[in-house]
Amino acid sequence: MGTVPEIFIDGFGEVAFKEGLIRIELVSLSGAEPEVRQRIIMTTPAFLQAVQLQQNMVARFEEAGIIRARRPAAAGSAPGPVATPAAEQAATPVAASAGPPRSPNFPSS
């Protein structure tokens, strides 16, 4: 199999539903303001499958101790994982083996 292009992003920007499709902005934080680098456009079924895959990964992170288990949501708030402090993350074998991001946005040291 040939090389597959990879994209590093710092996070998602706007996530919108327009004209029957989900549109997710991929954002870089390398400048003074967040900058949209690319956009993913997908069908609703593909989006729901992506959400399920991400939820499965969160469960694996919880099982491995990378993040603490999610707490029950308070009324009106969205449930989500609770990230462990950076020092604790650095001590975990999975996080330690990942190393720093490899991106032209970060100087190599």
C-alpha atoms as a PDB file:
ATOM      1  CA  MET A   1       0.000   0.000   0.000  1.00  0.00           C
ATOM      2  CA  GLY A   2       1.304   3.450  -0.859  1.00  0.00           C
ATOM      3  CA  THR A   3       1.826   6.373   1.446  1.00  0.00           C
ATOM      4  CA  VAL A   4      -1.348   8.018   2.731  1.00  0.00           C
ATOM      5  CA  PRO A   5      -1.203  11.802   3.268  1.00  0.00           C
ATOM      6  CA  GLU A   6      -1.513  12.823   6.922  1.00  0.00           C
ATOM      7  CA  ILE A   7      -2.795  16.086   8.357  1.00  0.00           C
ATOM      8  CA  PHE A   8      -2.016  17.437  11.811  1.00  0.00           C
ATOM      9  CA  ILE A   9      -4.671  19.695  13.350  1.00  0.00           C
ATOM     10  CA  ASP A  10      -4.968  21.327  16.734  1.00  0.00           C
ATOM     11  CA  GLY A  11      -8.720  20.745  16.816  1.00  0.00           C
ATOM     12  CA  PHE A  12     -12.097  21.311  15.260  1.00  0.00           C
ATOM     13  CA  GLY A  13     -13.494  24.713  14.486  1.00  0.00           C
ATOM     14  CA  GLU A  14     -17.105  25.078  13.441  1.00  0.00           C
ATOM     15  CA  VAL A  15     -19.190  21.937  13.007  1.00  0.00           C
ATOM     16  CA  ALA A  16     -22.284  22.677  10.949  1.00  0.00           C
ATOM     17  CA  PHE A  17     -25.145  20.935   9.164  1.00  0.00           C
ATOM     18  CA  LYS A  18     -25.741  22.597   5.788  1.00  0.00           C
ATOM     19  CA  GLU A  19     -27.489  21.352   2.672  1.00  0.00           C
ATOM     20  CA  GLY A  20     -27.881  17.874   4.151  1.00  0.00           C
ATOM     21  CA  LEU A  21     -24.175  17.409   4.949  1.00  0.00           C
ATOM     22  CA  ILE A  22     -22.026  17.752   8.062  1.00  0.00           C
ATOM     23  CA  ARG A  23     -19.140  20.189   7.629  1.00  0.00           C
ATOM     24  CA  ILE A  24     -16.249  20.124  10.115  1.00  0.00           C
ATOM     25  CA  GLU A  25     -13.483  22.724  10.000  1.00  0.00           C
ATOM     26  CA  LEU A  26      -9.974  21.466  10.823  1.00  0.00           C
ATOM     27  CA  VAL A  27      -8.128  24.199  12.713  1.00  0.00           C
ATOM     28  CA  SER A  28      -4.483  25.105  13.306  1.00  0.00           C
ATOM     29  CA  LEU A  29      -3.459  27.246  16.276  1.00  0.00           C
ATOM     30  CA  SER A  30       0.034  28.082  14.979  1.00  0.00           C
ATOM     31  CA  GLY A  31      -0.787  31.762  14.353  1.00  0.00           C
ATOM     32  CA  ALA A  32      -2.275  34.525  16.479  1.00  0.00           C
ATOM     33  CA  GLU A  33      -5.813  33.392  15.595  1.00  0.00           C
ATOM     34  CA  PRO A  34      -7.170  29.891  14.883  1.00  0.00           C
ATOM     35  CA  GLU A  35      -6.942  29.214  11.153  1.00  0.00           C
ATOM     36  CA  VAL A  36      -9.069  26.773   9.173  1.00  0.00           C
ATOM     37  CA  ARG A  37      -6.678  24.514   7.252  1.00  0.00           C
ATOM     38  CA  GLN A  38      -9.130  22.072   5.719  1.00  0.00           C
ATOM     39  CA  ARG A  39     -12.746  20.995   5.980  1.00  0.00           C
ATOM     40  CA  ILE A  40     -14.291  17.541   6.187  1.00  0.00           C
ATOM     41  CA  ILE A  41     -17.685  17.225   4.514  1.00  0.00           C
ATOM     42  CA  MET A  42     -19.635  14.021   5.142  1.00  0.00           C
ATOM     43  CA  THR A  43     -23.080  12.499   5.131  1.00  0.00           C
ATOM     44  CA  THR A  44     -25.059  12.175   8.350  1.00  0.00           C
ATOM     45  CA  PRO A  45     -24.561   8.361   8.495  1.00  0.00           C
ATOM     46  CA  ALA A  46     -20.792   8.803   8.020  1.00  0.00           C
ATOM     47  CA  PHE A  47     -20.743  11.463  10.759  1.00  0.00           C
ATOM     48  CA  LEU A  48     -22.640   9.182  13.160  1.00  0.00           C
ATOM     49  CA  GLN A  49     -20.205   6.345  12.409  1.00  0.00           C
ATOM     50  CA  ALA A  50     -17.268   8.717  13.100  1.00  0.00           C
ATOM     51  CA  VAL A  51     -18.826   9.746  16.430  1.00  0.00           C
ATOM     52  CA  GLN A  52     -19.234   6.068  17.386  1.00  0.00           C
ATOM     53  CA  LEU A  53     -15.597   5.345  16.498  1.00  0.00           C
ATOM     54  CA  GLN A  54     -14.475   8.305  18.626  1.00  0.00           C
ATOM     55  CA  GLN A  55     -16.625   7.154  21.554  1.00  0.00           C
ATOM     56  CA  ASN A  56     -15.037   3.699  21.271  1.00  0.00           C
ATOM     57  CA  MET A  57     -11.573   5.292  21.384  1.00  0.00           C
ATOM     58  CA  VAL A  58     -12.530   7.312  24.487  1.00  0.00           C
ATOM     59  CA  ALA A  59     -13.608   4.065  26.157  1.00  0.00           C
ATOM     60  CA  ARG A  60     -10.228   2.510  25.283  1.00  0.00           C
ATOM     61  CA  PHE A  61      -8.435   5.567  26.744  1.00  0.00           C
ATOM     62  CA  GLU A  62     -10.470   5.158  29.937  1.00  0.00           C
ATOM     63  CA  GLU A  63      -9.636   1.446  30.150  1.00  0.00           C
ATOM     64  CA  ALA A  64      -5.922   2.201  29.646  1.00  0.00           C
ATOM     65  CA  GLY A  65      -5.993   4.920  32.319  1.00  0.00           C
ATOM     66  CA  ILE A  66      -5.047   7.679  29.868  1.00  0.00           C
ATOM     67  CA  ILE A  67      -8.140   9.651  30.888  1.00  0.00           C
ATOM     68  CA  ARG A  68     -10.446   9.294  33.861  1.00  0.00           C
ATOM     69  CA  ALA A  69     -13.873   7.792  33.319  1.00  0.00           C
ATOM     70  CA  ARG A  70     -16.598  10.166  32.255  1.00  0.00           C
ATOM     71  CA  ARG A  71     -18.813  11.552  34.967  1.00  0.00           C
ATOM     72  CA  PRO A  72     -22.610  11.609  34.658  1.00  0.00           C
ATOM     73  CA  ALA A  73     -23.635  14.873  33.010  1.00  0.00           C
ATOM     74  CA  ALA A  74     -25.231  17.615  35.059  1.00  0.00           C
ATOM     75  CA  ALA A  75     -28.534  18.940  33.766  1.00  0.00           C
ATOM     76  CA  GLY A  76     -27.953  21.015  30.656  1.00  0.00           C
ATOM     77  CA  SER A  77     -24.294  20.037  30.131  1.00  0.00           C
ATOM     78  CA  ALA A  78     -22.780  17.656  27.627  1.00  0.00           C
ATOM     79  CA  PRO A  79     -21.050  14.512  28.917  1.00  0.00           C
ATOM     80  CA  GLY A  80     -17.414  14.110  28.083  1.00  0.00           C
ATOM     81  CA  PRO A  81     -14.128  12.637  29.195  1.00  0.00           C
ATOM     82  CA  VAL A  82     -12.149  14.253  31.962  1.00  0.00           C
ATOM     83  CA  ALA A  83      -8.554  14.747  30.890  1.00  0.00           C
ATOM     84  CA  THR A  84      -5.872  13.944  33.396  1.00  0.00           C
ATOM     85  CA  PRO A  85      -3.298  16.616  34.270  1.00  0.00           C
ATOM     86  CA  ALA A  86      -0.405  16.951  31.794  1.00  0.00           C
ATOM     87  CA  ALA A  87       2.139  15.595  34.292  1.00  0.00           C
ATOM     88  CA  GLU A  88      -0.002  12.501  34.836  1.00  0.00           C
ATOM     89  CA  GLN A  89      -0.443  12.039  31.082  1.00  0.00           C
ATOM     90  CA  ALA A  90       3.318  12.221  30.538  1.00  0.00           C
ATOM     91  CA  ALA A  91       3.741   9.412  33.074  1.00  0.00           C
ATOM     92  CA  THR A  92       1.487   7.019  31.160  1.00  0.00           C
ATOM     93  CA  PRO A  93       3.291   4.654  28.774  1.00  0.00           C
ATOM     94  CA  VAL A  94       0.932   5.347  25.851  1.00  0.00           C
ATOM     95  CA  ALA A  95       1.239   9.137  26.086  1.00  0.00           C
ATOM     96  CA  ALA A  96       5.003   8.979  26.695  1.00  0.00           C
ATOM     97  CA  SER A  97       5.581   6.811  23.621  1.00  0.00           C
ATOM     98  CA  ALA A  98       3.656   9.208  21.375  1.00  0.00           C
ATOM     99  CA  GLY A  99       6.229  11.996  21.690  1.00  0.00           C
ATOM    100  CA  PRO A 100       5.705  15.587  20.595  1.00  0.00           C
ATOM    101  CA  PRO A 101       3.658  16.380  17.493  1.00  0.00           C
ATOM    102  CA  ARG A 102       5.662  16.198  14.299  1.00  0.00           C
ATOM    103  CA  SER A 103       4.544  19.253  12.409  1.00  0.00           C
ATOM    104  CA  PRO A 104       6.210  22.223  10.695  1.00  0.00           C
ATOM    105  CA  ASN A 105       4.164  24.305  13.160  1.00  0.00           C
ATOM    106  CA  PHE A 106       6.410  23.124  16.025  1.00  0.00           C
ATOM    107  CA  PRO A 107      10.185  23.672  16.198  1.00  0.00           C
ATOM    108  CA  SER A 108      12.186  20.477  16.574  1.00  0.00           C
ATOM    109  CA  SER A 109      14.312  20.257  19.694  1.00  0.00           C
END
